[in-house]
Amino acid sequence: MNFIGINGGTFDPIHYGHLRPALEVQQQLGLQQVLFVPCYQPVHRDQPHATAQQRCELIELAIAQQPTFHLETFEIDQGGASYMVQTLVALKQRFNQDSLVLMMGTDAFAQFHTWHDWAEILNLANIAVMHRPGEPVPLNCESGVIYQTHYATELTEASGQIVEVAVTQLDISSTLIKAHIHRGEGADYLLPPSVANLIEQQGLYK
């Protein structure tokens, strides 16, 4: 059984804080590939500053040197509000012989119980919770109960398992990058040079 990572987000813009943890999860869990899935319209946050097309272009530049990373535009193509459960249904039809592994950080997982149809997400995929080395997964919440019910030390099933992966979590955010660019300071060393160059060329986030 092949394992395929699903890395969803706004990616406005994509940066090393998205890329390095994804690579480490892939290496530790033996994922055959990782799909970067930019949302069209996030449900719980503000609209992206860059257009869908611009964000896709930035992602393609960022992952160009990593042959097992791929851009997946399902949510962009669908338009409207992006719900992960709908994305997983579509991807499961395409990768019906593979296991989908939804990647998320501890902050996102702490809110997992509020996600639209979270139980169906676990029917469709496994979950990899990314955390800093030594940082515990949040258990004193409703999502903690879900975690303890579905916890596994390794991925052996096509869906329904939750594993934790210690990764190098860089203290970088898209909000921080946009603030630097808005102040005219640039975002060198926070994201790939090819991404920074396109942002500069297109005058994004100014």
N, C-alpha and C. Protein backbone atom coordinates (compact mmCIF):
# COMPACT_ATOMS: atom_id res chain seq x y z
N MET A 1 0.86 -1.20 0.00
CA MET A 1 0.00 0.00 0.00
C MET A 1 0.89 1.24 0.00
N ASN A 2 0.61 2.15 -0.91
CA ASN A 2 1.33 3.41 -0.96
C ASN A 2 0.66 4.43 -0.05
N PHE A 3 1.47 5.28 0.56
CA PHE A 3 0.96 6.35 1.42
C PHE A 3 1.22 7.68 0.74
N ILE A 4 0.18 8.50 0.63
CA ILE A 4 0.26 9.79 -0.05
C ILE A 4 -0.08 10.90 0.94
N GLY A 5 0.85 11.81 1.13
CA GLY A 5 0.63 12.92 2.05
C GLY A 5 -0.25 13.99 1.44
N ILE A 6 -1.14 14.55 2.25
CA ILE A 6 -2.01 15.65 1.83
C ILE A 6 -1.70 16.85 2.72
N ASN A 7 -1.18 17.90 2.11
CA ASN A 7 -0.77 19.08 2.86
C ASN A 7 -1.60 20.27 2.38
N GLY A 8 -2.66 20.55 3.10
CA GLY A 8 -3.56 21.62 2.69
C GLY A 8 -3.27 22.92 3.39
N GLY A 9 -3.71 24.03 2.79
CA GLY A 9 -3.52 25.32 3.42
C GLY A 9 -3.80 26.45 2.46
N THR A 10 -3.67 27.68 2.97
CA THR A 10 -3.86 28.85 2.13
C THR A 10 -2.62 29.10 1.28
N PHE A 11 -1.44 28.87 1.86
CA PHE A 11 -0.16 29.08 1.17
C PHE A 11 -0.10 30.48 0.55
N ASP A 12 -0.20 31.48 1.44
CA ASP A 12 -0.32 32.87 0.98
C ASP A 12 0.73 33.76 1.67
N PRO A 13 2.04 33.57 1.36
CA PRO A 13 2.60 32.63 0.37
C PRO A 13 3.17 31.38 1.05
N ILE A 14 3.52 30.39 0.23
CA ILE A 14 4.20 29.21 0.72
C ILE A 14 5.61 29.60 1.18
N HIS A 15 6.11 28.92 2.22
CA HIS A 15 7.43 29.27 2.77
C HIS A 15 8.08 28.02 3.38
N TYR A 16 9.29 28.20 3.93
CA TYR A 16 10.04 27.07 4.46
C TYR A 16 9.32 26.39 5.63
N GLY A 17 8.48 27.14 6.35
CA GLY A 17 7.71 26.55 7.44
C GLY A 17 6.68 25.55 6.96
N HIS A 18 6.30 25.62 5.68
CA HIS A 18 5.43 24.61 5.06
C HIS A 18 6.26 23.46 4.50
N LEU A 19 7.40 23.80 3.92
CA LEU A 19 8.15 22.85 3.10
C LEU A 19 8.99 21.87 3.91
N ARG A 20 9.74 22.37 4.87
CA ARG A 20 10.62 21.47 5.63
C ARG A 20 9.85 20.43 6.43
N PRO A 21 8.82 20.79 7.19
CA PRO A 21 8.05 19.76 7.90
C PRO A 21 7.44 18.73 6.96
N ALA A 22 6.95 19.16 5.79
CA ALA A 22 6.37 18.21 4.84
C ALA A 22 7.40 17.19 4.39
N LEU A 23 8.63 17.65 4.15
CA LEU A 23 9.69 16.73 3.73
C LEU A 23 10.03 15.75 4.85
N GLU A 24 10.07 16.23 6.09
CA GLU A 24 10.41 15.35 7.21
C GLU A 24 9.31 14.31 7.46
N VAL A 25 8.05 14.70 7.32
CA VAL A 25 6.95 13.73 7.45
C VAL A 25 7.07 12.67 6.36
N GLN A 26 7.34 13.12 5.14
CA GLN A 26 7.49 12.17 4.04
C GLN A 26 8.60 11.17 4.33
N GLN A 27 9.73 11.66 4.81
CA GLN A 27 10.86 10.78 5.08
C GLN A 27 10.58 9.82 6.24
N GLN A 28 9.96 10.32 7.29
CA GLN A 28 9.74 9.49 8.48
C GLN A 28 8.64 8.45 8.28
N LEU A 29 7.62 8.80 7.50
CA LEU A 29 6.50 7.88 7.29
C LEU A 29 6.61 7.09 5.99
N GLY A 30 7.61 7.38 5.18
CA GLY A 30 7.77 6.67 3.91
C GLY A 30 6.67 6.98 2.91
N LEU A 31 6.27 8.24 2.83
CA LEU A 31 5.23 8.64 1.88
C LEU A 31 5.79 8.63 0.46
N GLN A 32 5.02 8.08 -0.47
CA GLN A 32 5.48 8.04 -1.86
C GLN A 32 5.49 9.42 -2.49
N GLN A 33 4.55 10.26 -2.09
CA GLN A 33 4.48 11.62 -2.60
C GLN A 33 3.70 12.49 -1.62
N VAL A 34 3.84 13.79 -1.78
CA VAL A 34 3.09 14.74 -0.97
C VAL A 34 2.37 15.70 -1.92
N LEU A 35 1.06 15.84 -1.74
CA LEU A 35 0.26 16.75 -2.54
C LEU A 35 0.03 18.04 -1.75
N PHE A 36 0.42 19.16 -2.34
CA PHE A 36 0.15 20.47 -1.74
C PHE A 36 -1.18 20.96 -2.31
N VAL A 37 -2.15 21.18 -1.42
CA VAL A 37 -3.53 21.46 -1.82
C VAL A 37 -3.92 22.87 -1.36
N PRO A 38 -3.70 23.88 -2.18
CA PRO A 38 -4.12 25.23 -1.78
C PRO A 38 -5.64 25.35 -1.79
N CYS A 39 -6.19 25.95 -0.73
CA CYS A 39 -7.63 26.13 -0.69
C CYS A 39 -8.03 27.35 -1.53
N TYR A 40 -9.24 27.34 -2.02
CA TYR A 40 -9.74 28.48 -2.79
C TYR A 40 -10.22 29.57 -1.85
N GLN A 41 -11.08 29.17 -0.92
CA GLN A 41 -11.64 30.13 0.04
C GLN A 41 -11.63 29.48 1.41
N PRO A 42 -10.72 29.88 2.32
CA PRO A 42 -10.67 29.25 3.64
C PRO A 42 -11.94 29.51 4.42
N VAL A 43 -12.33 28.53 5.24
CA VAL A 43 -13.59 28.62 5.98
C VAL A 43 -13.42 29.44 7.25
N HIS A 44 -12.27 29.32 7.92
CA HIS A 44 -12.10 29.92 9.25
C HIS A 44 -11.10 31.07 9.29
N ARG A 45 -10.74 31.63 8.15
CA ARG A 45 -9.79 32.75 8.17
C ARG A 45 -10.08 33.70 7.02
N ASP A 46 -9.34 34.81 6.99
CA ASP A 46 -9.59 35.83 5.98
C ASP A 46 -9.25 35.32 4.58
N GLN A 47 -9.79 36.03 3.59
CA GLN A 47 -9.48 35.71 2.20
C GLN A 47 -7.98 35.90 1.93
N PRO A 48 -7.38 35.05 1.10
CA PRO A 48 -5.97 35.24 0.76
C PRO A 48 -5.74 36.57 0.05
N HIS A 49 -4.53 37.12 0.23
CA HIS A 49 -4.17 38.36 -0.46
C HIS A 49 -3.86 38.09 -1.92
N ALA A 50 -3.13 37.01 -2.20
CA ALA A 50 -2.79 36.66 -3.58
C ALA A 50 -3.94 35.88 -4.21
N THR A 51 -4.05 35.96 -5.51
CA THR A 51 -5.09 35.20 -6.20
C THR A 51 -4.77 33.72 -6.17
N ALA A 52 -5.76 32.91 -6.50
CA ALA A 52 -5.55 31.46 -6.56
C ALA A 52 -4.44 31.11 -7.55
N GLN A 53 -4.46 31.75 -8.70
CA GLN A 53 -3.45 31.47 -9.72
C GLN A 53 -2.06 31.85 -9.23
N GLN A 54 -1.94 33.00 -8.56
CA GLN A 54 -0.64 33.42 -8.05
C GLN A 54 -0.12 32.45 -6.99
N ARG A 55 -0.99 32.02 -6.10
CA ARG A 55 -0.56 31.08 -5.05
C ARG A 55 -0.12 29.75 -5.65
N CYS A 56 -0.82 29.31 -6.68
CA CYS A 56 -0.41 28.06 -7.36
C CYS A 56 0.95 28.23 -8.03
N GLU A 57 1.18 29.36 -8.65
CA GLU A 57 2.47 29.62 -9.29
C GLU A 57 3.59 29.60 -8.26
N LEU A 58 3.36 30.19 -7.10
CA LEU A 58 4.36 30.21 -6.04
C LEU A 58 4.65 28.80 -5.52
N ILE A 59 3.61 28.00 -5.37
CA ILE A 59 3.80 26.62 -4.92
C ILE A 59 4.62 25.83 -5.93
N GLU A 60 4.29 25.98 -7.20
CA GLU A 60 5.03 25.24 -8.23
C GLU A 60 6.51 25.61 -8.23
N LEU A 61 6.81 26.87 -8.03
CA LEU A 61 8.21 27.29 -7.94
C LEU A 61 8.88 26.68 -6.70
N ALA A 62 8.16 26.70 -5.57
CA ALA A 62 8.73 26.23 -4.31
C ALA A 62 9.07 24.75 -4.33
N ILE A 63 8.27 23.95 -5.03
CA ILE A 63 8.46 22.48 -4.99
C ILE A 63 9.12 21.95 -6.25
N ALA A 64 9.57 22.82 -7.13
CA ALA A 64 10.10 22.39 -8.42
C ALA A 64 11.29 21.45 -8.30
N GLN A 65 12.10 21.61 -7.24
CA GLN A 65 13.30 20.78 -7.09
C GLN A 65 13.05 19.50 -6.30
N GLN A 66 11.81 19.28 -5.87
CA GLN A 66 11.48 18.08 -5.10
C GLN A 66 10.51 17.23 -5.91
N PRO A 67 11.00 16.20 -6.62
CA PRO A 67 10.16 15.47 -7.58
C PRO A 67 8.98 14.72 -6.97
N THR A 68 8.99 14.49 -5.66
CA THR A 68 7.87 13.78 -5.03
C THR A 68 6.84 14.73 -4.42
N PHE A 69 7.05 16.04 -4.58
CA PHE A 69 6.07 17.04 -4.17
C PHE A 69 5.28 17.46 -5.40
N HIS A 70 3.96 17.55 -5.24
CA HIS A 70 3.11 17.90 -6.39
C HIS A 70 2.04 18.91 -5.97
N LEU A 71 1.69 19.80 -6.89
CA LEU A 71 0.58 20.72 -6.69
C LEU A 71 -0.72 20.02 -7.05
N GLU A 72 -1.70 20.10 -6.16
CA GLU A 72 -3.03 19.53 -6.40
C GLU A 72 -4.04 20.68 -6.36
N THR A 73 -4.72 20.93 -7.48
CA THR A 73 -5.58 22.11 -7.60
C THR A 73 -7.06 21.81 -7.45
N PHE A 74 -7.43 20.70 -6.84
CA PHE A 74 -8.85 20.34 -6.75
C PHE A 74 -9.68 21.46 -6.12
N GLU A 75 -9.23 21.99 -4.97
CA GLU A 75 -10.03 23.00 -4.28
C GLU A 75 -10.08 24.30 -5.08
N ILE A 76 -8.98 24.64 -5.75
CA ILE A 76 -8.96 25.83 -6.60
C ILE A 76 -9.95 25.66 -7.75
N ASP A 77 -9.92 24.48 -8.37
CA ASP A 77 -10.80 24.23 -9.52
C ASP A 77 -12.27 24.23 -9.11
N GLN A 78 -12.56 23.75 -7.89
CA GLN A 78 -13.94 23.71 -7.42
C GLN A 78 -14.48 25.10 -7.13
N GLY A 79 -13.63 25.98 -6.59
CA GLY A 79 -14.08 27.30 -6.18
C GLY A 79 -14.92 27.22 -4.91
N GLY A 80 -15.29 28.35 -4.39
CA GLY A 80 -16.11 28.39 -3.18
C GLY A 80 -15.36 27.98 -1.93
N ALA A 81 -16.11 27.79 -0.84
CA ALA A 81 -15.49 27.39 0.43
C ALA A 81 -14.85 26.01 0.30
N SER A 82 -13.68 25.86 0.91
CA SER A 82 -12.93 24.61 0.80
C SER A 82 -13.10 23.78 2.06
N TYR A 83 -13.65 22.58 1.91
CA TYR A 83 -13.79 21.63 3.01
C TYR A 83 -12.94 20.41 2.72
N MET A 84 -12.06 20.05 3.66
CA MET A 84 -11.13 18.96 3.43
C MET A 84 -11.83 17.64 3.16
N VAL A 85 -12.98 17.41 3.78
CA VAL A 85 -13.65 16.13 3.58
C VAL A 85 -14.04 15.96 2.11
N GLN A 86 -14.47 17.03 1.45
CA GLN A 86 -14.83 16.95 0.03
C GLN A 86 -13.60 16.68 -0.83
N THR A 87 -12.49 17.30 -0.46
CA THR A 87 -11.23 17.07 -1.18
C THR A 87 -10.79 15.62 -1.06
N LEU A 88 -10.89 15.07 0.14
CA LEU A 88 -10.47 13.69 0.36
C LEU A 88 -11.35 12.70 -0.40
N VAL A 89 -12.64 12.99 -0.47
CA VAL A 89 -13.54 12.12 -1.25
C VAL A 89 -13.08 12.06 -2.70
N ALA A 90 -12.77 13.22 -3.27
CA ALA A 90 -12.33 13.27 -4.67
C ALA A 90 -10.98 12.58 -4.85
N LEU A 91 -10.05 12.81 -3.93
CA LEU A 91 -8.72 12.21 -4.06
C LEU A 91 -8.77 10.70 -3.84
N LYS A 92 -9.67 10.25 -2.97
CA LYS A 92 -9.78 8.82 -2.72
C LYS A 92 -10.29 8.08 -3.96
N GLN A 93 -11.12 8.74 -4.74
CA GLN A 93 -11.59 8.14 -5.99
C GLN A 93 -10.44 7.98 -6.97
N ARG A 94 -9.53 8.93 -6.96
CA ARG A 94 -8.38 8.88 -7.87
C ARG A 94 -7.30 7.92 -7.37
N PHE A 95 -7.06 7.92 -6.06
CA PHE A 95 -6.02 7.07 -5.48
C PHE A 95 -6.68 5.97 -4.65
N ASN A 96 -7.53 5.19 -5.29
CA ASN A 96 -8.36 4.25 -4.53
C ASN A 96 -7.59 3.06 -3.97
N GLN A 97 -6.38 2.83 -4.43
CA GLN A 97 -5.57 1.73 -3.90
C GLN A 97 -4.54 2.22 -2.88
N ASP A 98 -4.54 3.51 -2.61
CA ASP A 98 -3.53 4.10 -1.73
C ASP A 98 -4.15 4.62 -0.44
N SER A 99 -3.29 4.87 0.55
CA SER A 99 -3.72 5.48 1.80
C SER A 99 -3.38 6.96 1.77
N LEU A 100 -4.37 7.79 2.04
CA LEU A 100 -4.16 9.23 2.14
C LEU A 100 -3.78 9.58 3.57
N VAL A 101 -2.78 10.42 3.73
CA VAL A 101 -2.30 10.82 5.06
C VAL A 101 -2.40 12.34 5.16
N LEU A 102 -3.38 12.80 5.91
CA LEU A 102 -3.60 14.24 6.07
C LEU A 102 -2.63 14.78 7.10
N MET A 103 -1.84 15.77 6.70
CA MET A 103 -0.81 16.34 7.55
C MET A 103 -1.32 17.62 8.19
N MET A 104 -1.12 17.77 9.51
CA MET A 104 -1.52 19.01 10.18
C MET A 104 -0.67 19.23 11.42
N GLY A 105 -0.50 20.50 11.78
CA GLY A 105 0.23 20.84 12.98
C GLY A 105 -0.64 20.70 14.23
N THR A 106 -0.02 20.88 15.39
CA THR A 106 -0.75 20.70 16.64
C THR A 106 -1.85 21.74 16.82
N ASP A 107 -1.61 22.98 16.36
CA ASP A 107 -2.65 24.02 16.49
C ASP A 107 -3.89 23.64 15.69
N ALA A 108 -3.66 23.16 14.47
CA ALA A 108 -4.80 22.75 13.64
C ALA A 108 -5.49 21.54 14.24
N PHE A 109 -4.70 20.57 14.75
CA PHE A 109 -5.33 19.37 15.29
C PHE A 109 -6.15 19.67 16.55
N ALA A 110 -5.72 20.65 17.33
CA ALA A 110 -6.48 21.01 18.53
C ALA A 110 -7.90 21.44 18.19
N GLN A 111 -8.11 21.91 16.94
CA GLN A 111 -9.44 22.32 16.48
C GLN A 111 -10.10 21.28 15.58
N PHE A 112 -9.49 20.12 15.47
CA PHE A 112 -9.98 19.12 14.51
C PHE A 112 -11.43 18.72 14.78
N HIS A 113 -11.82 18.69 16.04
CA HIS A 113 -13.20 18.30 16.37
C HIS A 113 -14.23 19.28 15.83
N THR A 114 -13.78 20.48 15.43
CA THR A 114 -14.71 21.47 14.87
C THR A 114 -14.75 21.41 13.35
N TRP A 115 -13.90 20.60 12.74
CA TRP A 115 -13.85 20.52 11.28
C TRP A 115 -15.14 19.89 10.75
N HIS A 116 -15.54 20.33 9.58
CA HIS A 116 -16.74 19.80 8.94
C HIS A 116 -16.60 18.29 8.70
N ASP A 117 -17.50 17.50 9.32
CA ASP A 117 -17.55 16.05 9.12
C ASP A 117 -16.20 15.38 9.41
N TRP A 118 -15.64 15.68 10.59
CA TRP A 118 -14.32 15.16 10.92
C TRP A 118 -14.30 13.63 10.98
N ALA A 119 -15.40 13.02 11.38
CA ALA A 119 -15.43 11.56 11.46
C ALA A 119 -15.26 10.93 10.08
N GLU A 120 -15.85 11.56 9.06
CA GLU A 120 -15.71 11.05 7.70
C GLU A 120 -14.28 11.24 7.20
N ILE A 121 -13.62 12.30 7.65
CA ILE A 121 -12.20 12.48 7.30
C ILE A 121 -11.39 11.28 7.75
N LEU A 122 -11.66 10.78 8.94
CA LEU A 122 -10.93 9.61 9.45
C LEU A 122 -11.34 8.33 8.74
N ASN A 123 -12.53 8.31 8.16
CA ASN A 123 -12.91 7.15 7.33
C ASN A 123 -12.16 7.14 6.00
N LEU A 124 -11.75 8.33 5.56
CA LEU A 124 -11.12 8.47 4.25
C LEU A 124 -9.60 8.48 4.32
N ALA A 125 -9.04 8.84 5.47
CA ALA A 125 -7.60 9.08 5.54
C ALA A 125 -7.06 8.77 6.93
N ASN A 126 -5.74 8.66 7.00
CA ASN A 126 -5.02 8.72 8.27
C ASN A 126 -4.61 10.16 8.52
N ILE A 127 -4.17 10.45 9.73
CA ILE A 127 -3.72 11.79 10.07
C ILE A 127 -2.32 11.73 10.67
N ALA A 128 -1.45 12.61 10.22
CA ALA A 128 -0.13 12.78 10.81
C ALA A 128 -0.10 14.13 11.50
N VAL A 129 0.04 14.12 12.83
CA VAL A 129 0.10 15.36 13.60
C VAL A 129 1.57 15.74 13.76
N MET A 130 1.93 16.89 13.20
CA MET A 130 3.31 17.36 13.24
C MET A 130 3.52 18.23 14.48
N HIS A 131 4.60 17.96 15.20
CA HIS A 131 4.89 18.76 16.39
C HIS A 131 6.40 18.91 16.57
N ARG A 132 6.79 19.91 17.33
CA ARG A 132 8.19 20.10 17.64
C ARG A 132 8.68 18.94 18.51
N PRO A 133 9.95 18.55 18.42
CA PRO A 133 10.48 17.51 19.30
C PRO A 133 10.27 17.88 20.77
N GLY A 134 9.67 16.98 21.52
CA GLY A 134 9.41 17.23 22.93
C GLY A 134 8.12 17.95 23.22
N GLU A 135 7.46 18.47 22.20
CA GLU A 135 6.19 19.17 22.39
C GLU A 135 5.06 18.14 22.37
N PRO A 136 4.24 18.09 23.42
CA PRO A 136 3.16 17.10 23.43
C PRO A 136 2.03 17.45 22.47
N VAL A 137 1.37 16.42 21.98
CA VAL A 137 0.15 16.63 21.20
C VAL A 137 -0.95 17.05 22.17
N PRO A 138 -1.77 18.06 21.83
CA PRO A 138 -2.81 18.53 22.76
C PRO A 138 -3.83 17.43 23.05
N LEU A 139 -3.96 17.08 24.33
CA LEU A 139 -4.88 16.02 24.72
C LEU A 139 -6.04 16.52 25.57
N ASN A 140 -5.88 17.69 26.21
CA ASN A 140 -6.92 18.19 27.11
C ASN A 140 -7.96 18.99 26.34
N CYS A 141 -8.54 18.34 25.34
CA CYS A 141 -9.56 18.98 24.51
C CYS A 141 -10.34 17.86 23.82
N GLU A 142 -11.39 18.23 23.12
CA GLU A 142 -12.19 17.22 22.43
C GLU A 142 -11.38 16.47 21.38
N SER A 143 -10.48 17.19 20.72
CA SER A 143 -9.64 16.53 19.72
C SER A 143 -8.69 15.53 20.38
N GLY A 144 -8.33 15.78 21.64
CA GLY A 144 -7.48 14.85 22.35
C GLY A 144 -8.14 13.49 22.53
N VAL A 145 -9.45 13.49 22.74
CA VAL A 145 -10.20 12.23 22.85
C VAL A 145 -10.15 11.48 21.52
N ILE A 146 -10.32 12.21 20.43
CA ILE A 146 -10.22 11.61 19.09
C ILE A 146 -8.83 11.02 18.89
N TYR A 147 -7.82 11.77 19.30
CA TYR A 147 -6.44 11.32 19.16
C TYR A 147 -6.21 10.01 19.90
N GLN A 148 -6.63 9.95 21.15
CA GLN A 148 -6.40 8.76 21.96
C GLN A 148 -7.16 7.55 21.43
N THR A 149 -8.32 7.79 20.82
CA THR A 149 -9.12 6.70 20.26
C THR A 149 -8.49 6.12 19.00
N HIS A 150 -7.82 6.96 18.22
CA HIS A 150 -7.32 6.54 16.91
C HIS A 150 -5.80 6.46 16.85
N TYR A 151 -5.12 6.66 17.98
CA TYR A 151 -3.66 6.73 17.99
C TYR A 151 -3.02 5.41 17.55
N ALA A 152 -1.96 5.53 16.78
CA ALA A 152 -1.18 4.36 16.35
C ALA A 152 0.30 4.75 16.35
N THR A 153 1.16 3.78 16.60
CA THR A 153 2.59 4.07 16.60
C THR A 153 3.16 4.08 15.18
N GLU A 154 2.48 3.42 14.25
CA GLU A 154 2.89 3.45 12.85
C GLU A 154 1.67 3.22 11.97
N LEU A 155 1.78 3.60 10.71
CA LEU A 155 0.67 3.47 9.77
C LEU A 155 0.64 2.05 9.21
N THR A 156 -0.46 1.36 9.48
CA THR A 156 -0.64 0.00 8.96
C THR A 156 -1.96 -0.17 8.23
N GLU A 157 -2.86 0.81 8.36
CA GLU A 157 -4.19 0.73 7.76
C GLU A 157 -4.36 1.83 6.72
N ALA A 158 -5.38 1.69 5.88
CA ALA A 158 -5.63 2.67 4.83
C ALA A 158 -6.23 3.96 5.37
N SER A 159 -6.86 3.90 6.54
CA SER A 159 -7.48 5.09 7.12
C SER A 159 -7.74 4.85 8.60
N GLY A 160 -8.15 5.92 9.30
CA GLY A 160 -8.59 5.79 10.68
C GLY A 160 -7.51 5.82 11.73
N GLN A 161 -6.26 6.00 11.35
CA GLN A 161 -5.18 6.04 12.32
C GLN A 161 -4.63 7.46 12.45
N ILE A 162 -4.18 7.79 13.66
CA ILE A 162 -3.52 9.07 13.90
C ILE A 162 -2.13 8.79 14.46
N VAL A 163 -1.12 9.28 13.78
CA VAL A 163 0.26 9.15 14.24
C VAL A 163 0.82 10.54 14.51
N GLU A 164 1.84 10.60 15.34
CA GLU A 164 2.51 11.87 15.58
C GLU A 164 3.91 11.82 14.99
N VAL A 165 4.35 12.95 14.48
CA VAL A 165 5.66 13.04 13.83
C VAL A 165 6.37 14.28 14.35
N ALA A 166 7.54 14.08 14.96
CA ALA A 166 8.34 15.22 15.41
C ALA A 166 9.08 15.81 14.21
N VAL A 167 8.92 17.11 14.02
CA VAL A 167 9.52 17.77 12.85
C VAL A 167 10.21 19.07 13.28
N THR A 168 11.04 19.57 12.40
CA THR A 168 11.67 20.87 12.61
C THR A 168 10.66 21.94 12.24
N GLN A 169 9.97 22.46 13.23
CA GLN A 169 8.96 23.48 12.96
C GLN A 169 9.60 24.86 13.05
N LEU A 170 9.71 25.51 11.92
CA LEU A 170 10.32 26.82 11.85
C LEU A 170 9.30 27.89 12.24
N ASP A 171 9.73 28.84 13.03
CA ASP A 171 8.81 29.87 13.51
C ASP A 171 8.64 30.94 12.43
N ILE A 172 8.02 30.50 11.32
CA ILE A 172 7.77 31.36 10.17
C ILE A 172 6.29 31.30 9.87
N SER A 173 5.71 32.43 9.55
CA SER A 173 4.30 32.44 9.16
C SER A 173 4.13 33.31 7.93
N SER A 174 3.08 33.03 7.18
CA SER A 174 2.77 33.86 6.01
C SER A 174 2.46 35.29 6.44
N THR A 175 1.86 35.46 7.62
CA THR A 175 1.56 36.80 8.13
C THR A 175 2.85 37.58 8.37
N LEU A 176 3.84 36.92 8.95
CA LEU A 176 5.14 37.55 9.19
C LEU A 176 5.79 37.97 7.87
N ILE A 177 5.75 37.09 6.89
CA ILE A 177 6.35 37.39 5.58
C ILE A 177 5.67 38.58 4.93
N LYS A 178 4.34 38.59 4.95
CA LYS A 178 3.61 39.71 4.35
C LYS A 178 3.96 41.03 5.04
N ALA A 179 4.13 40.98 6.37
CA ALA A 179 4.48 42.20 7.10
C ALA A 179 5.86 42.72 6.68
N HIS A 180 6.83 41.81 6.54
CA HIS A 180 8.17 42.21 6.10
C HIS A 180 8.11 42.86 4.72
N ILE A 181 7.38 42.22 3.81
CA ILE A 181 7.30 42.74 2.44
C ILE A 181 6.59 44.09 2.41
N HIS A 182 5.53 44.20 3.20
CA HIS A 182 4.76 45.45 3.24
C HIS A 182 5.63 46.61 3.73
N ARG A 183 6.56 46.31 4.65
CA ARG A 183 7.46 47.35 5.17
C ARG A 183 8.66 47.58 4.25
N GLY A 184 8.72 46.84 3.14
CA GLY A 184 9.82 47.01 2.20
C GLY A 184 11.10 46.31 2.61
N GLU A 185 11.01 45.37 3.55
CA GLU A 185 12.20 44.68 4.06
C GLU A 185 12.52 43.40 3.29
N GLY A 186 11.58 42.92 2.48
CA GLY A 186 11.79 41.67 1.78
C GLY A 186 11.63 40.48 2.71
N ALA A 187 11.76 39.28 2.15
CA ALA A 187 11.55 38.06 2.95
C ALA A 187 12.67 37.05 2.69
N ASP A 188 13.89 37.55 2.48
CA ASP A 188 15.03 36.67 2.23
C ASP A 188 15.20 35.66 3.37
N TYR A 189 15.49 34.41 2.99
CA TYR A 189 15.77 33.30 3.92
C TYR A 189 14.53 32.79 4.65
N LEU A 190 13.35 33.34 4.33
CA LEU A 190 12.12 32.83 4.91
C LEU A 190 11.37 31.93 3.94
N LEU A 191 11.69 32.06 2.65
CA LEU A 191 11.04 31.25 1.62
C LEU A 191 12.04 31.05 0.48
N PRO A 192 11.78 30.12 -0.43
CA PRO A 192 12.73 29.86 -1.52
C PRO A 192 12.98 31.11 -2.36
N PRO A 193 14.21 31.30 -2.82
CA PRO A 193 14.52 32.49 -3.63
C PRO A 193 13.63 32.64 -4.86
N SER A 194 13.27 31.53 -5.49
CA SER A 194 12.41 31.61 -6.67
C SER A 194 11.04 32.17 -6.31
N VAL A 195 10.55 31.84 -5.13
CA VAL A 195 9.27 32.36 -4.66
C VAL A 195 9.40 33.85 -4.35
N ALA A 196 10.48 34.22 -3.66
CA ALA A 196 10.70 35.62 -3.32
C ALA A 196 10.83 36.47 -4.59
N ASN A 197 11.49 35.92 -5.61
CA ASN A 197 11.68 36.67 -6.85
C ASN A 197 10.35 36.94 -7.55
N LEU A 198 9.48 35.94 -7.60
CA LEU A 198 8.18 36.14 -8.26
C LEU A 198 7.32 37.12 -7.48
N ILE A 199 7.37 37.04 -6.16
CA ILE A 199 6.63 38.00 -5.33
C ILE A 199 7.09 39.42 -5.63
N GLU A 200 8.40 39.58 -5.76
CA GLU A 200 8.95 40.90 -6.06
C GLU A 200 8.54 41.35 -7.46
N GLN A 201 8.61 40.46 -8.43
CA GLN A 201 8.28 40.81 -9.82
C GLN A 201 6.82 41.24 -9.96
N GLN A 202 5.94 40.55 -9.22
CA GLN A 202 4.52 40.83 -9.35
C GLN A 202 4.02 41.87 -8.34
N GLY A 203 4.93 42.33 -7.49
CA GLY A 203 4.54 43.34 -6.51
C GLY A 203 3.53 42.86 -5.48
N LEU A 204 3.59 41.58 -5.17
CA LEU A 204 2.62 41.01 -4.24
C LEU A 204 2.89 41.48 -2.80
N TYR A 205 1.83 41.61 -2.03
CA TYR A 205 1.86 41.86 -0.59
C TYR A 205 2.38 43.26 -0.23
N LYS A 206 2.50 44.15 -1.20
CA LYS A 206 2.95 45.51 -0.89
C LYS A 206 1.78 46.43 -0.56
